[in-house]
Amino acid sequence: MIYSYPGCFFQRPDGKYCVVFSDLNNLAAFGDDFNSALSSAVDLLTRYICNMLSKGQKLPAPSDIQSLRPNVGNEYTRAFIQTVNVDVEEYANYYYAGDTEVTVSVPGWLYDFAKKENLDISSAVRDYLLNEYNKIYK
């Protein structure tokens, strides 16, 4: 299902953006430029909604975009409202629906070793990849 919430995009003098969802406790995302801020906002909004739904919590109704007036203030060069649309079901299917099967080639002697030692090659590859991911992105 697709959910839509108005996001207030604030641009700083250095060109970086902040996106605030006032309907969702001022949930905020950031980016070095408009596209990265929008991407961060989509990801954050999707995770937030997915989390609320998984806990059985009711989502607040989105505000009418015409009623919102962003305050630019002194720290921003401009501000505007844009509706951000997210497909929560697609996100949940991608991240939570299960594993994707892949084929991995190993030398015969290594396969024999894993089999003899009761090692799960799939778990070993998954653990290694998660470790590498965490080194890069965490």
Foldseek 3Di string as FASTA:
>chain_A
DKDKAKWKWFAFPQAKIKTFGVQLVRDIAIDSHDVRRLVRVQVVVLVVVLVCVVVVHDRDDHDDLVPDDDDRPDGTPDMHMDMRMYDNVVVCCVPPVDDDDDDDDDDPVVVVVCVVVVHDPVVVVVVVVVVVCVVPPD
